[in-house]
Amino acid sequence: MASGFAVVLTLKDPIPQALKAAFHAFGVASFTAGLCTTVLTASAAPCAKTTPELYYLSLMLSVGSMLATGFFLAMGGFWAANQLCPGSVLNLRSRTGVCLEPVSSCSCLWHI
């Protein structure tokens, strides 16, 4: 489903409001599933001895979910800073902002 959103979002130039809502609902559902996986994995330590493969798969999914959550929290912080002070994160016209140096050094990162 995430790949489908990636394809549709890259092909549509004006993104419809319904598609934005569906994308955000999917994100909230994915976060909730990752949070549940993390909580259940943390409480299932004895399963490491009985079903180690399943336990380690759940552990890897939990770590991936928490890394993704951290990434989106950091990106959300940049978004909030840019909403409060427009141009503070990256302003290519005046060549200012916190992210100017990384974008100047490796412009391919900013397209993510």
N, C-alpha and C. Protein backbone atom coordinates (compact mmCIF):
# COMPACT_ATOMS: atom_id res chain seq x y z
N MET A 1 0.82 -1.18 0.00
CA MET A 1 0.00 0.00 0.00
C MET A 1 0.87 1.26 0.00
N ALA A 2 1.99 1.21 0.75
CA ALA A 2 2.88 2.37 0.79
C ALA A 2 3.48 2.64 -0.58
N SER A 3 3.80 1.58 -1.33
CA SER A 3 4.34 1.77 -2.69
C SER A 3 3.30 2.42 -3.59
N GLY A 4 2.06 2.03 -3.43
CA GLY A 4 0.98 2.63 -4.22
C GLY A 4 0.85 4.11 -3.95
N PHE A 5 0.92 4.50 -2.67
CA PHE A 5 0.88 5.92 -2.34
C PHE A 5 2.07 6.65 -2.94
N ALA A 6 3.25 6.03 -2.89
CA ALA A 6 4.44 6.67 -3.45
C ALA A 6 4.28 6.92 -4.94
N VAL A 7 3.75 5.95 -5.66
CA VAL A 7 3.56 6.11 -7.11
C VAL A 7 2.51 7.17 -7.41
N VAL A 8 1.38 7.10 -6.71
CA VAL A 8 0.30 8.05 -6.98
C VAL A 8 0.72 9.47 -6.62
N LEU A 9 1.43 9.64 -5.51
CA LEU A 9 1.83 10.99 -5.10
C LEU A 9 2.88 11.59 -6.03
N THR A 10 3.68 10.75 -6.68
CA THR A 10 4.65 11.30 -7.62
C THR A 10 4.02 11.63 -8.97
N LEU A 11 2.91 10.96 -9.32
CA LEU A 11 2.28 11.20 -10.61
C LEU A 11 1.28 12.35 -10.60
N LYS A 12 0.67 12.62 -9.47
CA LYS A 12 -0.34 13.67 -9.37
C LYS A 12 0.33 14.99 -9.00
N ASP A 13 0.10 16.02 -9.80
CA ASP A 13 0.70 17.31 -9.45
C ASP A 13 -0.16 18.06 -8.45
N PRO A 14 -1.40 18.40 -8.76
CA PRO A 14 -2.23 18.91 -7.67
C PRO A 14 -2.84 17.70 -6.96
N ILE A 15 -2.40 17.44 -5.74
CA ILE A 15 -2.86 16.27 -5.01
C ILE A 15 -4.25 16.56 -4.44
N PRO A 16 -5.24 15.73 -4.76
CA PRO A 16 -6.59 15.95 -4.24
C PRO A 16 -6.64 15.82 -2.72
N GLN A 17 -7.58 16.54 -2.13
CA GLN A 17 -7.72 16.55 -0.68
C GLN A 17 -8.04 15.15 -0.15
N ALA A 18 -8.84 14.38 -0.87
CA ALA A 18 -9.20 13.03 -0.43
C ALA A 18 -7.96 12.13 -0.38
N LEU A 19 -7.06 12.30 -1.34
CA LEU A 19 -5.83 11.50 -1.35
C LEU A 19 -4.92 11.89 -0.19
N LYS A 20 -4.85 13.18 0.12
CA LYS A 20 -4.07 13.62 1.28
C LYS A 20 -4.63 13.02 2.56
N ALA A 21 -5.96 13.02 2.68
CA ALA A 21 -6.59 12.46 3.89
C ALA A 21 -6.32 10.97 3.99
N ALA A 22 -6.41 10.25 2.88
CA ALA A 22 -6.14 8.81 2.89
C ALA A 22 -4.68 8.53 3.25
N PHE A 23 -3.77 9.35 2.74
CA PHE A 23 -2.35 9.18 3.06
C PHE A 23 -2.10 9.39 4.54
N HIS A 24 -2.72 10.41 5.13
CA HIS A 24 -2.51 10.67 6.55
C HIS A 24 -3.19 9.59 7.41
N ALA A 25 -4.35 9.11 6.98
CA ALA A 25 -5.00 8.02 7.72
C ALA A 25 -4.13 6.76 7.69
N PHE A 26 -3.53 6.48 6.53
CA PHE A 26 -2.62 5.34 6.42
C PHE A 26 -1.42 5.51 7.34
N GLY A 27 -0.90 6.72 7.42
CA GLY A 27 0.23 6.99 8.30
C GLY A 27 -0.11 6.78 9.77
N VAL A 28 -1.28 7.25 10.18
CA VAL A 28 -1.71 7.07 11.57
C VAL A 28 -1.92 5.59 11.86
N ALA A 29 -2.53 4.85 10.92
CA ALA A 29 -2.74 3.42 11.11
C ALA A 29 -1.41 2.67 11.19
N SER A 30 -0.44 3.06 10.36
CA SER A 30 0.87 2.43 10.39
C SER A 30 1.59 2.72 11.71
N PHE A 31 1.48 3.95 12.19
CA PHE A 31 2.09 4.30 13.47
C PHE A 31 1.46 3.49 14.60
N THR A 32 0.14 3.35 14.57
CA THR A 32 -0.56 2.59 15.61
C THR A 32 -0.15 1.12 15.58
N ALA A 33 -0.05 0.55 14.39
CA ALA A 33 0.39 -0.84 14.27
C ALA A 33 1.82 -1.01 14.77
N GLY A 34 2.69 -0.06 14.45
CA GLY A 34 4.07 -0.13 14.93
C GLY A 34 4.16 0.02 16.43
N LEU A 35 3.34 0.89 17.00
CA LEU A 35 3.32 1.07 18.45
C LEU A 35 2.83 -0.21 19.14
N CYS A 36 1.78 -0.82 18.60
CA CYS A 36 1.28 -2.08 19.16
C CYS A 36 2.33 -3.18 19.05
N THR A 37 3.01 -3.26 17.91
CA THR A 37 4.06 -4.25 17.74
C THR A 37 5.17 -4.05 18.76
N THR A 38 5.55 -2.80 19.00
CA THR A 38 6.61 -2.52 19.96
C THR A 38 6.19 -2.92 21.37
N VAL A 39 4.97 -2.57 21.76
CA VAL A 39 4.49 -2.90 23.11
C VAL A 39 4.38 -4.41 23.28
N LEU A 40 3.83 -5.09 22.30
CA LEU A 40 3.68 -6.55 22.41
C LEU A 40 5.04 -7.25 22.39
N THR A 41 5.98 -6.75 21.62
CA THR A 41 7.31 -7.34 21.59
C THR A 41 8.03 -7.14 22.91
N ALA A 42 7.87 -5.96 23.51
CA ALA A 42 8.51 -5.69 24.79
C ALA A 42 7.96 -6.59 25.90
N SER A 43 6.70 -6.95 25.79
CA SER A 43 6.12 -7.80 26.83
C SER A 43 6.24 -9.30 26.52
N ALA A 44 6.89 -9.65 25.44
CA ALA A 44 6.99 -11.05 25.03
C ALA A 44 8.41 -11.58 25.09
N ALA A 45 9.19 -11.15 26.06
CA ALA A 45 10.58 -11.61 26.17
C ALA A 45 10.70 -13.13 26.32
N PRO A 46 9.80 -13.82 27.04
CA PRO A 46 9.93 -15.29 27.12
C PRO A 46 9.78 -15.99 25.77
N CYS A 47 9.17 -15.34 24.80
CA CYS A 47 8.99 -15.96 23.48
C CYS A 47 10.31 -16.10 22.73
N ALA A 48 11.34 -15.41 23.18
CA ALA A 48 12.65 -15.52 22.53
C ALA A 48 13.19 -16.94 22.64
N LYS A 49 12.78 -17.66 23.68
CA LYS A 49 13.25 -19.04 23.86
C LYS A 49 12.35 -20.05 23.14
N THR A 50 11.05 -19.79 23.08
CA THR A 50 10.15 -20.77 22.47
C THR A 50 10.03 -20.60 20.95
N THR A 51 9.91 -19.37 20.47
CA THR A 51 9.81 -19.12 19.02
C THR A 51 10.78 -17.99 18.66
N PRO A 52 12.07 -18.29 18.60
CA PRO A 52 13.05 -17.22 18.39
C PRO A 52 12.92 -16.50 17.05
N GLU A 53 12.59 -17.23 15.97
CA GLU A 53 12.49 -16.57 14.66
C GLU A 53 11.37 -15.53 14.66
N LEU A 54 10.24 -15.90 15.20
CA LEU A 54 9.10 -14.98 15.25
C LEU A 54 9.39 -13.79 16.16
N TYR A 55 10.05 -14.09 17.28
CA TYR A 55 10.39 -13.01 18.22
C TYR A 55 11.36 -12.01 17.60
N TYR A 56 12.38 -12.51 16.92
CA TYR A 56 13.37 -11.59 16.32
C TYR A 56 12.79 -10.83 15.12
N LEU A 57 11.87 -11.44 14.39
CA LEU A 57 11.17 -10.72 13.34
C LEU A 57 10.37 -9.56 13.94
N SER A 58 9.65 -9.86 15.02
CA SER A 58 8.87 -8.83 15.70
C SER A 58 9.79 -7.74 16.26
N LEU A 59 10.94 -8.13 16.76
CA LEU A 59 11.91 -7.15 17.28
C LEU A 59 12.43 -6.25 16.17
N MET A 60 12.74 -6.83 15.01
CA MET A 60 13.22 -6.02 13.89
C MET A 60 12.14 -5.07 13.38
N LEU A 61 10.89 -5.55 13.32
CA LEU A 61 9.80 -4.67 12.90
C LEU A 61 9.58 -3.54 13.90
N SER A 62 9.75 -3.83 15.18
CA SER A 62 9.61 -2.79 16.21
C SER A 62 10.70 -1.74 16.08
N VAL A 63 11.92 -2.18 15.87
CA VAL A 63 13.04 -1.23 15.71
C VAL A 63 12.83 -0.38 14.46
N GLY A 64 12.42 -1.01 13.36
CA GLY A 64 12.15 -0.25 12.14
C GLY A 64 11.04 0.76 12.32
N SER A 65 10.02 0.37 13.03
CA SER A 65 8.90 1.28 13.29
C SER A 65 9.34 2.47 14.13
N MET A 66 10.15 2.22 15.14
CA MET A 66 10.61 3.32 15.99
C MET A 66 11.59 4.24 15.24
N LEU A 67 12.42 3.66 14.36
CA LEU A 67 13.30 4.50 13.55
C LEU A 67 12.49 5.39 12.60
N ALA A 68 11.46 4.82 11.98
CA ALA A 68 10.60 5.60 11.09
C ALA A 68 9.87 6.69 11.87
N THR A 69 9.42 6.36 13.07
CA THR A 69 8.74 7.36 13.90
C THR A 69 9.69 8.50 14.25
N GLY A 70 10.93 8.17 14.60
CA GLY A 70 11.92 9.20 14.90
C GLY A 70 12.20 10.08 13.69
N PHE A 71 12.30 9.47 12.51
CA PHE A 71 12.54 10.23 11.29
C PHE A 71 11.39 11.21 11.02
N PHE A 72 10.16 10.72 11.13
CA PHE A 72 9.02 11.59 10.85
C PHE A 72 8.83 12.65 11.93
N LEU A 73 9.22 12.36 13.16
CA LEU A 73 9.19 13.40 14.20
C LEU A 73 10.20 14.51 13.87
N ALA A 74 11.38 14.12 13.41
CA ALA A 74 12.39 15.13 13.04
C ALA A 74 11.91 15.95 11.84
N MET A 75 11.35 15.29 10.83
CA MET A 75 10.84 16.02 9.67
C MET A 75 9.66 16.91 10.06
N GLY A 76 8.83 16.43 10.98
CA GLY A 76 7.71 17.23 11.48
C GLY A 76 8.20 18.46 12.22
N GLY A 77 9.32 18.32 12.93
CA GLY A 77 9.92 19.48 13.60
C GLY A 77 10.39 20.52 12.60
N PHE A 78 11.02 20.06 11.51
CA PHE A 78 11.43 21.00 10.46
C PHE A 78 10.21 21.68 9.83
N TRP A 79 9.15 20.90 9.59
CA TRP A 79 7.93 21.47 9.00
C TRP A 79 7.34 22.51 9.93
N ALA A 80 7.25 22.19 11.24
CA ALA A 80 6.66 23.13 12.21
C ALA A 80 7.51 24.41 12.30
N ALA A 81 8.84 24.26 12.30
CA ALA A 81 9.71 25.43 12.34
C ALA A 81 9.52 26.30 11.11
N ASN A 82 9.36 25.67 9.95
CA ASN A 82 9.17 26.42 8.72
C ASN A 82 7.79 27.08 8.67
N GLN A 83 6.79 26.48 9.32
CA GLN A 83 5.47 27.10 9.37
C GLN A 83 5.46 28.30 10.31
N LEU A 84 6.18 28.21 11.43
CA LEU A 84 6.23 29.31 12.39
C LEU A 84 7.08 30.46 11.90
N CYS A 85 8.23 30.14 11.30
CA CYS A 85 9.14 31.15 10.75
C CYS A 85 9.43 30.78 9.31
N PRO A 86 8.64 31.23 8.36
CA PRO A 86 8.84 30.84 6.95
C PRO A 86 10.25 31.18 6.46
N GLY A 87 10.85 30.20 5.79
CA GLY A 87 12.19 30.40 5.25
C GLY A 87 13.31 30.08 6.24
N SER A 88 12.97 29.67 7.46
CA SER A 88 14.01 29.40 8.45
C SER A 88 14.69 28.06 8.22
N VAL A 89 14.00 27.11 7.61
CA VAL A 89 14.59 25.80 7.37
C VAL A 89 15.39 25.81 6.08
N LEU A 90 14.79 26.27 5.00
CA LEU A 90 15.50 26.36 3.73
C LEU A 90 14.81 27.40 2.85
N ASN A 91 15.58 28.41 2.49
CA ASN A 91 15.09 29.44 1.58
C ASN A 91 16.13 29.57 0.48
N LEU A 92 15.86 28.94 -0.66
CA LEU A 92 16.84 28.93 -1.74
C LEU A 92 17.02 30.30 -2.39
N ARG A 93 15.98 31.14 -2.36
CA ARG A 93 16.10 32.46 -2.99
C ARG A 93 17.11 33.33 -2.26
N SER A 94 17.00 33.40 -0.95
CA SER A 94 17.94 34.24 -0.19
C SER A 94 19.15 33.45 0.31
N ARG A 95 19.19 32.15 -0.02
CA ARG A 95 20.29 31.27 0.37
C ARG A 95 20.53 31.30 1.88
N THR A 96 19.44 31.10 2.65
CA THR A 96 19.52 31.06 4.10
C THR A 96 18.78 29.83 4.61
N GLY A 97 18.96 29.54 5.87
CA GLY A 97 18.22 28.46 6.51
C GLY A 97 19.14 27.41 7.09
N VAL A 98 18.58 26.64 7.99
CA VAL A 98 19.33 25.60 8.69
C VAL A 98 19.82 24.53 7.73
N CYS A 99 19.02 24.18 6.74
CA CYS A 99 19.33 23.08 5.84
C CYS A 99 20.05 23.52 4.56
N LEU A 100 20.51 24.77 4.50
CA LEU A 100 21.14 25.24 3.26
C LEU A 100 22.43 24.49 2.97
N GLU A 101 23.30 24.30 3.95
CA GLU A 101 24.58 23.64 3.71
C GLU A 101 24.40 22.18 3.27
N PRO A 102 23.57 21.37 3.96
CA PRO A 102 23.39 19.99 3.46
C PRO A 102 22.78 19.94 2.07
N VAL A 103 21.86 20.83 1.75
CA VAL A 103 21.24 20.82 0.43
C VAL A 103 22.24 21.28 -0.62
N SER A 104 23.07 22.23 -0.28
CA SER A 104 24.09 22.69 -1.24
C SER A 104 25.11 21.60 -1.51
N SER A 105 25.46 20.84 -0.48
CA SER A 105 26.46 19.79 -0.65
C SER A 105 25.90 18.58 -1.38
N CYS A 106 24.67 18.20 -1.08
CA CYS A 106 24.08 17.02 -1.70
C CYS A 106 22.62 17.31 -1.98
N SER A 107 22.35 17.93 -3.10
CA SER A 107 20.99 18.37 -3.42
C SER A 107 20.01 17.21 -3.60
N CYS A 108 20.51 16.01 -3.84
CA CYS A 108 19.60 14.87 -4.05
C CYS A 108 18.86 14.51 -2.78
N LEU A 109 19.37 14.87 -1.60
CA LEU A 109 18.70 14.54 -0.34
C LEU A 109 17.43 15.33 -0.13
N TRP A 110 17.34 16.53 -0.67
CA TRP A 110 16.19 17.39 -0.39
C TRP A 110 14.95 16.93 -1.14
N HIS A 111 15.09 16.10 -2.15
CA HIS A 111 13.93 15.66 -2.95
C HIS A 111 13.14 14.56 -2.28
N ILE A 112 13.56 14.09 -1.16
CA ILE A 112 12.89 12.97 -0.46
C ILE A 112 11.57 13.44 0.08
